[in-house]
Amino acid sequence: MDQVKKYVARRIKLLDHFINLVIQGKKTSTIRYGLVFVTNNYIPLVSNNRTVMVRITNIDYSKKYGDLDEKDAQQDGFNSLLEMKEQLERFYPNISVNDPLTIISFVKD
């Protein structure tokens, strides 16, 4: 990766399927490419059809794509690491093992 993507998130976009997993309590984190900065303890998760407000419990900047593990996948609402990586590679087709990630953990209050 030539330049690390950095941005401030005021909301986080998710597919409808993932919003449903948040509501069901099966998704408690989201993984983003690059460095994402969140300025509030609460942030809306938005899809085409819904918005859910969540409270941020942790932001982890320590992992690279190649460091992701089964626990990361489970917290992100996936059944396996392979399933999660396939989805991430659809969103970020040029991602490589050394690319930095932001893992945002949250709870739905």
Foldseek 3Di string as FASTA:
>chain_A
DPDFDEDEDQAAEDEPVQVVCQVVVQAFKDKFFGHYHYDDQWHWYDYPPDIAIWGWDDKDFPAAQLPDAQVLQRNRNHPGPVVVVVVVCVVVVPGDRGTIMIMTGTHRD
